[in-house]
Amino acid sequence: MPSLSITRQGWIAYAIAAVTVVLDQISKLWILGLLGREPGASLPLLGPIHLTMVHNYGMSFGLLRDSDWGRWLLIGFSILVVIGLAVWVHKATRPLLAVGIGLIIGGAIGNNLIDRVIYGYVVDFIDVSRLYFPWVFNIADSGISVGVALLLLDSFLSEENKLSHQTE
């Protein structure tokens, strides 16, 4: 029977996922209280950064935005991704891997599970379009993006480490 024990890095990943979800949801409650639910409402925050209410019904590039079944497809896919990543990180031993997976799990739960179930869309509000980044995003999106970057970095560093051990 396989061991059910979780590594220290696994616990760190789960903690990072929980913190990401909490920060994401608190920020969304705050922005909904500040701007309301009306799409397009916007306030300048700091220089080129604005808070702009956007209802994201789809996924990247607006895919599936016009279909109700797409919402449930994204929720189901997110559940599978979260389960897969949670199993993967269960035995993690590398810190970057654990942090990256934790951020992705937290982002997936915050965006595609909680938001889509409660609101029917993802609440996006961080607007840096004045810096030539046209998409409005949120903390969960940032967690997913940084998490993926950390997974790529971890993969690169672990491969480099394997190669250096082979040449010794």
N, C-alpha and C. Protein backbone atom coordinates (compact mmCIF):
# COMPACT_ATOMS: atom_id res chain seq x y z
N MET A 1 0.85 -1.19 0.00
CA MET A 1 0.00 0.00 0.00
C MET A 1 0.88 1.25 0.00
N PRO A 2 0.61 2.21 -0.89
CA PRO A 2 1.44 3.42 -0.95
C PRO A 2 1.31 4.25 0.33
N SER A 3 2.41 4.93 0.64
CA SER A 3 2.43 5.78 1.84
C SER A 3 1.59 7.03 1.62
N LEU A 4 0.87 7.42 2.65
CA LEU A 4 0.04 8.63 2.57
C LEU A 4 0.73 9.83 3.20
N SER A 5 1.98 9.66 3.62
CA SER A 5 2.68 10.77 4.25
C SER A 5 3.01 11.86 3.22
N ILE A 6 2.98 13.08 3.69
CA ILE A 6 3.23 14.24 2.83
C ILE A 6 4.58 14.82 3.22
N THR A 7 5.39 15.16 2.22
CA THR A 7 6.69 15.76 2.49
C THR A 7 6.52 17.18 3.04
N ARG A 8 7.59 17.68 3.61
CA ARG A 8 7.59 19.07 4.11
C ARG A 8 7.26 20.03 2.97
N GLN A 9 7.85 19.79 1.80
CA GLN A 9 7.59 20.65 0.63
C GLN A 9 6.12 20.55 0.21
N GLY A 10 5.54 19.38 0.36
CA GLY A 10 4.12 19.22 0.04
C GLY A 10 3.26 20.09 0.94
N TRP A 11 3.57 20.09 2.24
CA TRP A 11 2.82 20.94 3.18
C TRP A 11 3.00 22.42 2.84
N ILE A 12 4.21 22.78 2.44
CA ILE A 12 4.46 24.18 2.05
C ILE A 12 3.59 24.53 0.84
N ALA A 13 3.51 23.64 -0.13
CA ALA A 13 2.68 23.88 -1.32
C ALA A 13 1.22 24.07 -0.94
N TYR A 14 0.71 23.22 -0.06
CA TYR A 14 -0.69 23.34 0.35
C TYR A 14 -0.92 24.66 1.09
N ALA A 15 0.04 25.07 1.92
CA ALA A 15 -0.09 26.34 2.64
C ALA A 15 -0.09 27.52 1.67
N ILE A 16 0.80 27.47 0.67
CA ILE A 16 0.85 28.54 -0.33
C ILE A 16 -0.45 28.58 -1.13
N ALA A 17 -1.00 27.43 -1.45
CA ALA A 17 -2.29 27.39 -2.16
C ALA A 17 -3.38 28.05 -1.32
N ALA A 18 -3.41 27.72 -0.04
CA ALA A 18 -4.44 28.30 0.85
C ALA A 18 -4.28 29.81 0.96
N VAL A 19 -3.06 30.29 1.12
CA VAL A 19 -2.82 31.74 1.22
C VAL A 19 -3.21 32.43 -0.08
N THR A 20 -2.89 31.81 -1.22
CA THR A 20 -3.25 32.39 -2.52
C THR A 20 -4.76 32.52 -2.66
N VAL A 21 -5.49 31.48 -2.28
CA VAL A 21 -6.96 31.52 -2.36
C VAL A 21 -7.51 32.61 -1.46
N VAL A 22 -7.02 32.69 -0.23
CA VAL A 22 -7.52 33.68 0.73
C VAL A 22 -7.24 35.10 0.22
N LEU A 23 -6.01 35.37 -0.22
CA LEU A 23 -5.68 36.71 -0.73
C LEU A 23 -6.51 37.05 -1.96
N ASP A 24 -6.68 36.08 -2.85
CA ASP A 24 -7.47 36.31 -4.06
C ASP A 24 -8.91 36.64 -3.72
N GLN A 25 -9.52 35.86 -2.86
CA GLN A 25 -10.93 36.07 -2.53
C GLN A 25 -11.15 37.34 -1.71
N ILE A 26 -10.24 37.64 -0.79
CA ILE A 26 -10.37 38.89 -0.02
C ILE A 26 -10.25 40.09 -0.96
N SER A 27 -9.30 40.03 -1.90
CA SER A 27 -9.14 41.15 -2.84
C SER A 27 -10.38 41.32 -3.70
N LYS A 28 -11.02 40.22 -4.07
CA LYS A 28 -12.23 40.31 -4.90
C LYS A 28 -13.42 40.84 -4.11
N LEU A 29 -13.54 40.44 -2.87
CA LEU A 29 -14.61 41.01 -2.03
C LEU A 29 -14.40 42.51 -1.85
N TRP A 30 -13.15 42.91 -1.66
CA TRP A 30 -12.82 44.32 -1.51
C TRP A 30 -13.17 45.10 -2.78
N ILE A 31 -12.77 44.55 -3.93
CA ILE A 31 -13.01 45.26 -5.19
C ILE A 31 -14.50 45.31 -5.52
N LEU A 32 -15.23 44.24 -5.20
CA LEU A 32 -16.68 44.26 -5.43
C LEU A 32 -17.35 45.30 -4.54
N GLY A 33 -16.86 45.46 -3.31
CA GLY A 33 -17.39 46.49 -2.42
C GLY A 33 -17.03 47.89 -2.89
N LEU A 34 -15.84 48.03 -3.47
CA LEU A 34 -15.36 49.33 -3.92
C LEU A 34 -15.99 49.76 -5.24
N LEU A 35 -16.01 48.86 -6.21
CA LEU A 35 -16.48 49.20 -7.55
C LEU A 35 -17.89 48.70 -7.86
N GLY A 36 -18.40 47.80 -7.05
CA GLY A 36 -19.68 47.17 -7.37
C GLY A 36 -19.48 46.10 -8.42
N ARG A 37 -20.58 45.56 -8.92
CA ARG A 37 -20.49 44.46 -9.89
C ARG A 37 -20.61 44.94 -11.33
N GLU A 38 -20.77 46.22 -11.53
CA GLU A 38 -20.97 46.74 -12.89
C GLU A 38 -19.67 46.69 -13.69
N PRO A 39 -19.63 45.92 -14.78
CA PRO A 39 -18.42 45.85 -15.60
C PRO A 39 -18.05 47.22 -16.15
N GLY A 40 -16.77 47.49 -16.19
CA GLY A 40 -16.27 48.74 -16.74
C GLY A 40 -16.00 49.81 -15.72
N ALA A 41 -16.55 49.68 -14.50
CA ALA A 41 -16.27 50.66 -13.45
C ALA A 41 -14.77 50.66 -13.20
N SER A 42 -14.18 51.85 -13.08
CA SER A 42 -12.72 51.94 -12.97
C SER A 42 -12.29 53.09 -12.07
N LEU A 43 -11.22 52.86 -11.34
CA LEU A 43 -10.61 53.89 -10.49
C LEU A 43 -9.10 53.87 -10.69
N PRO A 44 -8.47 55.05 -10.82
CA PRO A 44 -7.01 55.06 -10.86
C PRO A 44 -6.46 54.66 -9.49
N LEU A 45 -5.39 53.88 -9.48
CA LEU A 45 -4.80 53.45 -8.22
C LEU A 45 -3.46 54.11 -8.00
N LEU A 46 -2.52 53.85 -8.89
CA LEU A 46 -1.17 54.36 -8.73
C LEU A 46 -0.54 54.49 -10.11
N GLY A 47 -0.35 55.70 -10.57
CA GLY A 47 0.23 55.91 -11.89
C GLY A 47 -0.56 55.20 -12.97
N PRO A 48 0.09 54.29 -13.69
CA PRO A 48 -0.59 53.59 -14.79
C PRO A 48 -1.47 52.43 -14.34
N ILE A 49 -1.54 52.17 -13.05
CA ILE A 49 -2.33 51.04 -12.54
C ILE A 49 -3.72 51.53 -12.17
N HIS A 50 -4.73 50.85 -12.70
CA HIS A 50 -6.12 51.16 -12.40
C HIS A 50 -6.82 49.91 -11.86
N LEU A 51 -7.88 50.13 -11.14
CA LEU A 51 -8.78 49.05 -10.72
C LEU A 51 -9.98 49.13 -11.64
N THR A 52 -10.18 48.10 -12.45
CA THR A 52 -11.25 48.09 -13.44
C THR A 52 -12.03 46.79 -13.33
N MET A 53 -13.33 46.88 -13.12
CA MET A 53 -14.16 45.68 -12.98
C MET A 53 -14.39 45.03 -14.33
N VAL A 54 -14.00 43.77 -14.44
CA VAL A 54 -14.22 42.99 -15.65
C VAL A 54 -14.81 41.65 -15.24
N HIS A 55 -15.85 41.23 -15.95
CA HIS A 55 -16.42 39.90 -15.76
C HIS A 55 -15.84 39.01 -16.86
N ASN A 56 -15.04 38.05 -16.48
CA ASN A 56 -14.42 37.15 -17.45
C ASN A 56 -15.21 35.85 -17.48
N TYR A 57 -16.03 35.69 -18.51
CA TYR A 57 -16.87 34.51 -18.64
C TYR A 57 -16.15 33.34 -19.31
N GLY A 58 -15.09 33.63 -20.01
CA GLY A 58 -14.38 32.58 -20.73
C GLY A 58 -13.04 32.27 -20.11
N MET A 59 -12.12 31.95 -20.98
CA MET A 59 -10.76 31.71 -20.54
C MET A 59 -9.86 32.59 -21.39
N SER A 60 -8.63 32.25 -21.53
CA SER A 60 -7.70 33.06 -22.31
C SER A 60 -8.27 33.37 -23.69
N PHE A 61 -8.10 34.61 -24.11
CA PHE A 61 -8.53 35.09 -25.42
C PHE A 61 -10.03 34.98 -25.64
N GLY A 62 -10.81 34.91 -24.55
CA GLY A 62 -12.26 34.88 -24.64
C GLY A 62 -12.86 33.55 -25.06
N LEU A 63 -12.06 32.50 -25.10
CA LEU A 63 -12.59 31.19 -25.48
C LEU A 63 -13.68 30.75 -24.51
N LEU A 64 -14.73 30.16 -25.02
CA LEU A 64 -15.87 29.62 -24.27
C LEU A 64 -16.69 30.67 -23.52
N ARG A 65 -16.52 31.93 -23.82
CA ARG A 65 -17.21 32.97 -23.05
C ARG A 65 -18.71 33.01 -23.28
N ASP A 66 -19.16 32.50 -24.42
CA ASP A 66 -20.58 32.59 -24.74
C ASP A 66 -21.36 31.31 -24.48
N SER A 67 -20.77 30.38 -23.73
CA SER A 67 -21.49 29.13 -23.51
C SER A 67 -21.56 28.79 -22.02
N ASP A 68 -22.77 28.47 -21.57
CA ASP A 68 -22.93 28.10 -20.16
C ASP A 68 -22.25 26.77 -19.87
N TRP A 69 -22.27 25.85 -20.85
CA TRP A 69 -21.60 24.57 -20.62
C TRP A 69 -20.10 24.77 -20.51
N GLY A 70 -19.57 25.82 -21.14
CA GLY A 70 -18.14 26.12 -21.03
C GLY A 70 -17.74 26.42 -19.60
N ARG A 71 -18.63 27.10 -18.88
CA ARG A 71 -18.37 27.39 -17.46
C ARG A 71 -18.17 26.10 -16.68
N TRP A 72 -19.07 25.14 -16.90
CA TRP A 72 -18.99 23.87 -16.17
C TRP A 72 -17.83 23.02 -16.65
N LEU A 73 -17.50 23.14 -17.92
CA LEU A 73 -16.32 22.45 -18.45
C LEU A 73 -15.06 22.98 -17.77
N LEU A 74 -14.96 24.30 -17.63
CA LEU A 74 -13.80 24.90 -16.97
C LEU A 74 -13.74 24.52 -15.49
N ILE A 75 -14.88 24.46 -14.83
CA ILE A 75 -14.91 24.04 -13.42
C ILE A 75 -14.43 22.59 -13.31
N GLY A 76 -14.94 21.72 -14.16
CA GLY A 76 -14.52 20.31 -14.13
C GLY A 76 -13.05 20.14 -14.43
N PHE A 77 -12.56 20.86 -15.44
CA PHE A 77 -11.15 20.80 -15.79
C PHE A 77 -10.29 21.29 -14.63
N SER A 78 -10.72 22.36 -13.98
CA SER A 78 -9.97 22.90 -12.84
C SER A 78 -9.90 21.90 -11.70
N ILE A 79 -10.99 21.21 -11.45
CA ILE A 79 -10.99 20.19 -10.39
C ILE A 79 -9.97 19.11 -10.71
N LEU A 80 -9.94 18.66 -11.97
CA LEU A 80 -8.97 17.63 -12.36
C LEU A 80 -7.53 18.14 -12.23
N VAL A 81 -7.29 19.38 -12.63
CA VAL A 81 -5.94 19.96 -12.52
C VAL A 81 -5.53 20.05 -11.06
N VAL A 82 -6.42 20.55 -10.21
CA VAL A 82 -6.10 20.68 -8.78
C VAL A 82 -5.80 19.32 -8.17
N ILE A 83 -6.60 18.31 -8.48
CA ILE A 83 -6.36 16.97 -7.94
C ILE A 83 -5.01 16.43 -8.44
N GLY A 84 -4.76 16.57 -9.73
CA GLY A 84 -3.49 16.09 -10.30
C GLY A 84 -2.29 16.77 -9.67
N LEU A 85 -2.36 18.09 -9.53
CA LEU A 85 -1.24 18.82 -8.93
C LEU A 85 -1.08 18.48 -7.45
N ALA A 86 -2.19 18.31 -6.75
CA ALA A 86 -2.12 17.96 -5.32
C ALA A 86 -1.46 16.60 -5.13
N VAL A 87 -1.76 15.66 -6.01
CA VAL A 87 -1.11 14.35 -5.93
C VAL A 87 0.37 14.47 -6.27
N TRP A 88 0.69 15.26 -7.29
CA TRP A 88 2.08 15.43 -7.71
C TRP A 88 2.91 16.04 -6.59
N VAL A 89 2.41 17.08 -5.95
CA VAL A 89 3.18 17.80 -4.94
C VAL A 89 3.24 17.04 -3.61
N HIS A 90 2.41 16.05 -3.47
CA HIS A 90 2.34 15.24 -2.24
C HIS A 90 3.73 14.74 -1.81
N LYS A 91 4.55 14.37 -2.77
CA LYS A 91 5.88 13.83 -2.49
C LYS A 91 7.00 14.78 -2.93
N ALA A 92 6.68 16.04 -3.16
CA ALA A 92 7.68 17.00 -3.64
C ALA A 92 8.84 17.14 -2.67
N THR A 93 10.03 17.26 -3.23
CA THR A 93 11.22 17.48 -2.41
C THR A 93 11.95 18.76 -2.80
N ARG A 94 11.60 19.34 -3.94
CA ARG A 94 12.28 20.55 -4.39
C ARG A 94 11.43 21.78 -4.07
N PRO A 95 12.02 22.79 -3.43
CA PRO A 95 11.26 23.97 -3.00
C PRO A 95 10.58 24.73 -4.14
N LEU A 96 11.27 24.95 -5.26
CA LEU A 96 10.65 25.71 -6.37
C LEU A 96 9.44 24.97 -6.92
N LEU A 97 9.55 23.66 -7.01
CA LEU A 97 8.42 22.85 -7.48
C LEU A 97 7.23 23.02 -6.54
N ALA A 98 7.48 22.94 -5.25
CA ALA A 98 6.40 23.06 -4.26
C ALA A 98 5.74 24.43 -4.31
N VAL A 99 6.54 25.49 -4.36
CA VAL A 99 5.99 26.84 -4.40
C VAL A 99 5.20 27.05 -5.70
N GLY A 100 5.75 26.61 -6.83
CA GLY A 100 5.07 26.76 -8.11
C GLY A 100 3.73 26.05 -8.14
N ILE A 101 3.72 24.80 -7.69
CA ILE A 101 2.47 24.04 -7.69
C ILE A 101 1.47 24.65 -6.71
N GLY A 102 1.95 25.10 -5.56
CA GLY A 102 1.05 25.74 -4.60
C GLY A 102 0.37 26.97 -5.18
N LEU A 103 1.14 27.79 -5.90
CA LEU A 103 0.56 28.98 -6.53
C LEU A 103 -0.46 28.62 -7.61
N ILE A 104 -0.16 27.59 -8.39
CA ILE A 104 -1.09 27.17 -9.44
C ILE A 104 -2.37 26.60 -8.84
N ILE A 105 -2.24 25.76 -7.82
CA ILE A 105 -3.43 25.20 -7.16
C ILE A 105 -4.29 26.33 -6.59
N GLY A 106 -3.66 27.26 -5.88
CA GLY A 106 -4.40 28.38 -5.29
C GLY A 106 -5.08 29.23 -6.35
N GLY A 107 -4.38 29.49 -7.45
CA GLY A 107 -4.97 30.27 -8.54
C GLY A 107 -6.13 29.56 -9.20
N ALA A 108 -6.00 28.26 -9.40
CA ALA A 108 -7.08 27.49 -10.03
C ALA A 108 -8.31 27.44 -9.13
N ILE A 109 -8.09 27.26 -7.84
CA ILE A 109 -9.23 27.23 -6.91
C ILE A 109 -9.89 28.61 -6.84
N GLY A 110 -9.07 29.67 -6.75
CA GLY A 110 -9.61 31.02 -6.64
C GLY A 110 -10.38 31.47 -7.86
N ASN A 111 -9.83 31.20 -9.03
CA ASN A 111 -10.46 31.66 -10.27
C ASN A 111 -11.53 30.71 -10.78
N ASN A 112 -11.10 29.55 -11.15
CA ASN A 112 -11.99 28.68 -11.91
C ASN A 112 -12.96 27.89 -11.06
N LEU A 113 -12.72 27.77 -9.79
CA LEU A 113 -13.68 27.05 -8.96
C LEU A 113 -14.57 28.02 -8.21
N ILE A 114 -14.01 28.79 -7.30
CA ILE A 114 -14.84 29.65 -6.45
C ILE A 114 -15.58 30.70 -7.27
N ASP A 115 -14.86 31.48 -8.08
CA ASP A 115 -15.51 32.55 -8.85
C ASP A 115 -16.59 32.01 -9.78
N ARG A 116 -16.27 30.98 -10.53
CA ARG A 116 -17.23 30.48 -11.52
C ARG A 116 -18.46 29.86 -10.86
N VAL A 117 -18.28 29.22 -9.71
CA VAL A 117 -19.44 28.65 -9.01
C VAL A 117 -20.29 29.76 -8.39
N ILE A 118 -19.65 30.73 -7.72
CA ILE A 118 -20.40 31.78 -7.02
C ILE A 118 -20.98 32.82 -7.98
N TYR A 119 -20.16 33.34 -8.89
CA TYR A 119 -20.58 34.45 -9.74
C TYR A 119 -20.98 34.03 -11.16
N GLY A 120 -20.46 32.91 -11.61
CA GLY A 120 -20.67 32.51 -13.00
C GLY A 120 -19.61 33.07 -13.93
N TYR A 121 -18.67 33.80 -13.39
CA TYR A 121 -17.57 34.40 -14.15
C TYR A 121 -16.42 34.65 -13.19
N VAL A 122 -15.26 34.95 -13.75
CA VAL A 122 -14.09 35.30 -12.94
C VAL A 122 -14.06 36.82 -12.78
N VAL A 123 -13.82 37.27 -11.56
CA VAL A 123 -13.72 38.70 -11.26
C VAL A 123 -12.27 39.13 -11.53
N ASP A 124 -12.07 39.94 -12.56
CA ASP A 124 -10.75 40.51 -12.87
C ASP A 124 -10.80 42.00 -12.57
N PHE A 125 -9.68 42.56 -12.10
CA PHE A 125 -9.71 43.98 -11.73
C PHE A 125 -8.37 44.70 -11.80
N ILE A 126 -7.26 44.02 -11.90
CA ILE A 126 -5.96 44.70 -11.96
C ILE A 126 -5.72 45.08 -13.42
N ASP A 127 -5.70 46.37 -13.67
CA ASP A 127 -5.64 46.91 -15.03
C ASP A 127 -4.35 47.70 -15.21
N VAL A 128 -3.44 47.14 -15.98
CA VAL A 128 -2.18 47.83 -16.29
C VAL A 128 -2.08 48.08 -17.79
N SER A 129 -3.23 48.28 -18.43
CA SER A 129 -3.26 48.45 -19.89
C SER A 129 -2.46 49.69 -20.33
N ARG A 130 -2.28 50.64 -19.45
CA ARG A 130 -1.49 51.82 -19.79
C ARG A 130 0.00 51.48 -19.89
N LEU A 131 0.36 50.27 -19.45
CA LEU A 131 1.74 49.77 -19.58
C LEU A 131 1.84 48.79 -20.75
N TYR A 132 0.89 48.84 -21.67
CA TYR A 132 0.87 48.01 -22.87
C TYR A 132 0.63 46.53 -22.57
N PHE A 133 -0.04 46.24 -21.48
CA PHE A 133 -0.49 44.87 -21.19
C PHE A 133 -2.01 44.94 -21.21
N PRO A 134 -2.64 44.48 -22.30
CA PRO A 134 -4.06 44.77 -22.52
C PRO A 134 -5.05 43.99 -21.66
N TRP A 135 -4.61 42.96 -20.94
CA TRP A 135 -5.55 42.12 -20.20
C TRP A 135 -5.67 42.56 -18.75
N VAL A 136 -6.89 42.55 -18.26
CA VAL A 136 -7.16 42.82 -16.85
C VAL A 136 -7.09 41.47 -16.15
N PHE A 137 -6.48 41.43 -14.97
CA PHE A 137 -6.26 40.15 -14.29
C PHE A 137 -6.51 40.29 -12.80
N ASN A 138 -6.18 39.25 -12.04
CA ASN A 138 -6.40 39.25 -10.59
C ASN A 138 -5.26 38.51 -9.90
N ILE A 139 -5.35 38.36 -8.60
CA ILE A 139 -4.28 37.71 -7.83
C ILE A 139 -4.16 36.24 -8.21
N ALA A 140 -5.27 35.56 -8.42
CA ALA A 140 -5.21 34.14 -8.81
C ALA A 140 -4.49 33.98 -10.15
N ASP A 141 -4.77 34.86 -11.11
CA ASP A 141 -4.07 34.82 -12.40
C ASP A 141 -2.57 34.98 -12.19
N SER A 142 -2.20 35.91 -11.32
CA SER A 142 -0.79 36.14 -11.02
C SER A 142 -0.17 34.90 -10.40
N GLY A 143 -0.90 34.26 -9.49
CA GLY A 143 -0.40 33.03 -8.88
C GLY A 143 -0.14 31.95 -9.90
N ILE A 144 -1.07 31.78 -10.83
CA ILE A 144 -0.90 30.77 -11.87
C ILE A 144 0.31 31.11 -12.75
N SER A 145 0.43 32.36 -13.17
CA SER A 145 1.54 32.76 -14.04
C SER A 145 2.89 32.60 -13.36
N VAL A 146 3.00 33.07 -12.13
CA VAL A 146 4.26 32.94 -11.39
C VAL A 146 4.53 31.46 -11.11
N GLY A 147 3.49 30.70 -10.78
CA GLY A 147 3.65 29.27 -10.54
C GLY A 147 4.20 28.53 -11.75
N VAL A 148 3.66 28.82 -12.92
CA VAL A 148 4.15 28.18 -14.15
C VAL A 148 5.61 28.57 -14.40
N ALA A 149 5.95 29.84 -14.20
CA ALA A 149 7.34 30.28 -14.37
C ALA A 149 8.27 29.53 -13.41
N LEU A 150 7.83 29.34 -12.16
CA LEU A 150 8.64 28.61 -11.19
C LEU A 150 8.79 27.14 -11.57
N LEU A 151 7.74 26.53 -12.12
CA LEU A 151 7.86 25.14 -12.59
C LEU A 151 8.87 25.03 -13.73
N LEU A 152 8.84 25.99 -14.64
CA LEU A 152 9.82 25.99 -15.73
C LEU A 152 11.23 26.17 -15.20
N LEU A 153 11.41 27.10 -14.26
CA LEU A 153 12.72 27.33 -13.66
C LEU A 153 13.19 26.08 -12.91
N ASP A 154 12.29 25.46 -12.15
CA ASP A 154 12.64 24.24 -11.42
C ASP A 154 13.06 23.13 -12.39
N SER A 155 12.33 22.99 -13.48
CA SER A 155 12.65 21.97 -14.47
C SER A 155 14.03 22.23 -15.06
N PHE A 156 14.31 23.48 -15.41
CA PHE A 156 15.60 23.85 -15.97
C PHE A 156 16.72 23.58 -14.96
N LEU A 157 16.54 24.01 -13.72
CA LEU A 157 17.57 23.83 -12.70
C LEU A 157 17.78 22.37 -12.35
N SER A 158 16.72 21.58 -12.30
CA SER A 158 16.88 20.17 -11.96
C SER A 158 17.56 19.41 -13.10
N GLU A 159 17.28 19.78 -14.36
CA GLU A 159 17.98 19.18 -15.50
C GLU A 159 19.45 19.56 -15.48
N GLU A 160 19.72 20.83 -15.19
CA GLU A 160 21.10 21.31 -15.12
C GLU A 160 21.85 20.57 -14.02
N ASN A 161 21.18 20.35 -12.90
CA ASN A 161 21.78 19.63 -11.77
C ASN A 161 22.07 18.18 -12.16
N LYS A 162 21.16 17.54 -12.88
CA LYS A 162 21.38 16.16 -13.34
C LYS A 162 22.58 16.09 -14.27
N LEU A 163 22.67 17.06 -15.20
CA LEU A 163 23.79 17.07 -16.14
C LEU A 163 25.12 17.28 -15.43
N SER A 164 25.16 18.16 -14.45
CA SER A 164 26.42 18.41 -13.74
C SER A 164 26.85 17.19 -12.93
N HIS A 165 25.90 16.43 -12.41
CA HIS A 165 26.24 15.21 -11.66
C HIS A 165 26.71 14.10 -12.60
N GLN A 166 26.21 14.09 -13.83
CA GLN A 166 26.63 13.07 -14.79
C GLN A 166 28.04 13.31 -15.28
N THR A 167 28.48 14.57 -15.35
CA THR A 167 29.81 14.89 -15.86
C THR A 167 30.88 14.79 -14.79
N GLU A 168 30.50 14.62 -13.54
CA GLU A 168 31.49 14.54 -12.46
C GLU A 168 32.10 13.17 -12.37
